[in-house]
């Protein structure tokens, strides 16, 4: 997901995939994004809120999410 797609999809459903956690295509709400400065420059992280449990968050890379059409 690109920076422009983040703005378009805020507070909307997105699909999250993480093979290491055995999650594929789970739907979450994109509730925010954070820009951080690391050793190799700037990078973004997405904040996903669970649809059923509003107190549950996932912080992930942008390449792990895609917009729901």
N, C-alpha and C. Protein backbone atom coordinates (compact mmCIF):
# COMPACT_ATOMS: atom_id res chain seq x y z
N UNK A 1 0.85 -1.17 0.00
CA UNK A 1 0.00 0.00 0.00
C UNK A 1 0.90 1.23 0.00
N UNK A 2 0.55 2.20 -0.80
CA UNK A 2 1.33 3.43 -0.90
C UNK A 2 0.80 4.49 0.07
N UNK A 3 1.54 5.59 0.19
CA UNK A 3 1.12 6.68 1.07
C UNK A 3 -0.23 7.25 0.64
N UNK A 4 -0.45 7.39 -0.64
CA UNK A 4 -1.72 7.92 -1.15
C UNK A 4 -2.88 6.97 -0.82
N UNK A 5 -2.64 5.68 -0.91
CA UNK A 5 -3.68 4.70 -0.60
C UNK A 5 -4.01 4.70 0.89
N UNK A 6 -3.03 5.03 1.73
CA UNK A 6 -3.29 5.12 3.17
C UNK A 6 -4.35 6.18 3.44
N UNK A 7 -4.17 7.36 2.87
CA UNK A 7 -5.12 8.45 3.09
C UNK A 7 -6.51 8.09 2.59
N UNK A 8 -6.58 7.41 1.46
CA UNK A 8 -7.87 7.04 0.88
C UNK A 8 -8.58 5.97 1.70
N UNK A 9 -7.82 5.13 2.40
CA UNK A 9 -8.41 3.99 3.11
C UNK A 9 -8.49 4.15 4.62
N UNK A 10 -8.17 5.33 5.15
CA UNK A 10 -8.29 5.52 6.60
C UNK A 10 -9.72 5.28 7.06
N UNK A 11 -9.86 4.54 8.14
CA UNK A 11 -11.15 4.17 8.74
C UNK A 11 -12.00 3.31 7.81
N UNK A 12 -11.35 2.58 6.90
CA UNK A 12 -12.04 1.64 6.01
C UNK A 12 -11.43 0.25 6.18
N UNK A 13 -12.13 -0.74 5.66
CA UNK A 13 -11.64 -2.12 5.75
C UNK A 13 -10.45 -2.35 4.84
N UNK A 14 -9.47 -3.09 5.35
CA UNK A 14 -8.33 -3.54 4.57
C UNK A 14 -8.09 -5.02 4.88
N UNK A 15 -7.37 -5.69 4.01
CA UNK A 15 -7.02 -7.09 4.23
C UNK A 15 -5.57 -7.19 4.69
N UNK A 16 -5.36 -7.93 5.77
CA UNK A 16 -4.05 -8.11 6.36
C UNK A 16 -3.58 -9.54 6.13
N UNK A 17 -2.33 -9.69 5.66
CA UNK A 17 -1.75 -11.01 5.43
C UNK A 17 -0.36 -11.05 6.06
N UNK A 18 -0.14 -12.09 6.88
CA UNK A 18 1.18 -12.31 7.49
C UNK A 18 1.41 -13.81 7.60
N UNK A 19 2.17 -14.39 6.67
CA UNK A 19 2.40 -15.84 6.70
C UNK A 19 3.06 -16.34 7.98
N UNK A 20 3.90 -15.51 8.61
CA UNK A 20 4.57 -15.96 9.83
C UNK A 20 3.60 -16.12 10.99
N UNK A 21 2.47 -15.40 10.95
CA UNK A 21 1.43 -15.54 11.97
C UNK A 21 0.27 -16.42 11.50
N UNK A 22 0.40 -16.98 10.30
CA UNK A 22 -0.64 -17.82 9.68
C UNK A 22 -1.95 -17.05 9.50
N UNK A 23 -1.84 -15.79 9.10
CA UNK A 23 -3.00 -14.94 8.83
C UNK A 23 -2.99 -14.61 7.35
N UNK A 24 -4.11 -14.86 6.68
CA UNK A 24 -4.19 -14.54 5.26
C UNK A 24 -5.56 -13.95 4.93
N UNK A 25 -5.56 -12.70 4.54
CA UNK A 25 -6.79 -12.04 4.09
C UNK A 25 -7.75 -11.66 5.20
N UNK A 26 -7.27 -11.50 6.43
CA UNK A 26 -8.15 -11.09 7.52
C UNK A 26 -8.49 -9.61 7.38
N UNK A 27 -9.74 -9.27 7.64
CA UNK A 27 -10.19 -7.90 7.46
C UNK A 27 -10.10 -7.11 8.77
N UNK A 28 -9.46 -5.96 8.68
CA UNK A 28 -9.30 -5.04 9.80
C UNK A 28 -9.63 -3.64 9.33
N UNK A 29 -9.78 -2.72 10.25
CA UNK A 29 -10.00 -1.31 9.93
C UNK A 29 -8.65 -0.60 10.00
N UNK A 30 -8.30 0.12 8.95
CA UNK A 30 -7.06 0.91 8.93
C UNK A 30 -7.31 2.17 9.75
N UNK A 31 -6.83 2.18 10.98
CA UNK A 31 -7.13 3.29 11.89
C UNK A 31 -6.04 4.35 11.94
N UNK A 32 -4.87 4.08 11.34
CA UNK A 32 -3.82 5.09 11.35
C UNK A 32 -2.55 4.59 10.71
N UNK A 33 -1.62 5.51 10.55
CA UNK A 33 -0.30 5.18 10.01
C UNK A 33 0.72 6.07 10.71
N UNK A 34 1.91 5.54 10.89
CA UNK A 34 2.98 6.25 11.57
C UNK A 34 4.21 6.24 10.67
N UNK A 35 4.89 7.37 10.61
CA UNK A 35 6.17 7.43 9.90
C UNK A 35 7.27 7.43 10.96
N UNK A 36 8.28 6.60 10.75
CA UNK A 36 9.36 6.47 11.72
C UNK A 36 10.70 6.62 11.00
N UNK A 37 11.71 6.96 11.76
CA UNK A 37 13.07 7.06 11.25
C UNK A 37 13.88 5.92 11.84
N UNK A 38 14.38 5.07 10.97
CA UNK A 38 15.19 3.93 11.40
C UNK A 38 16.63 4.09 10.93
N UNK A 39 17.39 3.03 11.09
CA UNK A 39 18.79 3.04 10.69
C UNK A 39 18.97 3.24 9.18
N UNK A 40 17.99 2.81 8.39
CA UNK A 40 18.09 2.88 6.94
C UNK A 40 17.17 3.94 6.35
N UNK A 41 16.72 4.88 7.14
CA UNK A 41 15.86 5.96 6.64
C UNK A 41 14.44 5.87 7.17
N UNK A 42 13.54 6.57 6.50
CA UNK A 42 12.15 6.62 6.94
C UNK A 42 11.38 5.39 6.49
N UNK A 43 10.40 4.99 7.30
CA UNK A 43 9.50 3.91 6.93
C UNK A 43 8.15 4.13 7.60
N UNK A 44 7.11 3.56 7.01
CA UNK A 44 5.75 3.68 7.53
C UNK A 44 5.32 2.40 8.22
N UNK A 45 4.45 2.54 9.19
CA UNK A 45 3.79 1.41 9.82
C UNK A 45 2.30 1.70 9.83
N UNK A 46 1.51 0.66 9.60
CA UNK A 46 0.06 0.79 9.62
C UNK A 46 -0.48 0.33 10.97
N UNK A 47 -1.54 0.98 11.42
CA UNK A 47 -2.22 0.60 12.66
C UNK A 47 -3.59 0.07 12.27
N UNK A 48 -3.82 -1.21 12.59
CA UNK A 48 -5.07 -1.87 12.24
C UNK A 48 -5.87 -2.17 13.49
N UNK A 49 -7.17 -1.88 13.45
CA UNK A 49 -8.06 -2.15 14.57
C UNK A 49 -8.93 -3.34 14.21
N UNK A 50 -9.09 -4.26 15.16
CA UNK A 50 -9.95 -5.42 14.97
C UNK A 50 -11.40 -4.96 14.84
N UNK A 51 -12.15 -5.58 13.95
CA UNK A 51 -13.54 -5.18 13.72
C UNK A 51 -14.45 -5.53 14.89
N UNK A 52 -14.19 -6.63 15.57
CA UNK A 52 -15.08 -7.07 16.65
C UNK A 52 -14.62 -6.61 18.02
N UNK A 53 -13.32 -6.50 18.22
CA UNK A 53 -12.77 -6.06 19.51
C UNK A 53 -12.02 -4.76 19.28
N UNK A 54 -12.65 -3.64 19.54
CA UNK A 54 -12.10 -2.32 19.21
C UNK A 54 -10.84 -1.97 20.01
N UNK A 55 -10.53 -2.74 21.06
CA UNK A 55 -9.34 -2.47 21.87
C UNK A 55 -8.12 -3.26 21.39
N UNK A 56 -8.30 -4.05 20.34
CA UNK A 56 -7.21 -4.86 19.81
C UNK A 56 -6.59 -4.19 18.59
N UNK A 57 -5.27 -3.99 18.62
CA UNK A 57 -4.55 -3.34 17.52
C UNK A 57 -3.46 -4.24 16.97
N UNK A 58 -3.17 -4.06 15.69
CA UNK A 58 -2.03 -4.70 15.05
C UNK A 58 -1.22 -3.60 14.39
N UNK A 59 0.08 -3.60 14.63
CA UNK A 59 1.00 -2.68 13.96
C UNK A 59 1.76 -3.52 12.93
N UNK A 60 1.72 -3.09 11.66
CA UNK A 60 2.33 -3.90 10.60
C UNK A 60 2.95 -3.02 9.52
N UNK A 61 3.66 -3.65 8.60
CA UNK A 61 4.23 -2.96 7.45
C UNK A 61 3.14 -2.70 6.42
N UNK A 62 3.35 -1.70 5.58
CA UNK A 62 2.36 -1.36 4.56
C UNK A 62 2.22 -2.44 3.50
N UNK A 63 3.28 -3.20 3.25
CA UNK A 63 3.19 -4.23 2.23
C UNK A 63 2.41 -5.46 2.70
N UNK A 64 1.98 -5.46 3.96
CA UNK A 64 1.18 -6.57 4.48
C UNK A 64 -0.31 -6.31 4.38
N UNK A 65 -0.71 -5.14 3.90
CA UNK A 65 -2.14 -4.84 3.80
C UNK A 65 -2.50 -4.44 2.38
N UNK A 66 -3.76 -4.67 2.04
CA UNK A 66 -4.29 -4.25 0.74
C UNK A 66 -5.73 -3.78 0.94
N UNK A 67 -6.17 -2.90 0.07
CA UNK A 67 -7.50 -2.33 0.22
C UNK A 67 -8.57 -3.34 -0.21
N UNK A 68 -9.73 -3.24 0.43
CA UNK A 68 -10.89 -4.06 0.09
C UNK A 68 -11.73 -3.29 -0.90
N UNK A 69 -12.10 -3.92 -2.00
CA UNK A 69 -12.87 -3.21 -3.02
C UNK A 69 -14.34 -3.22 -2.77
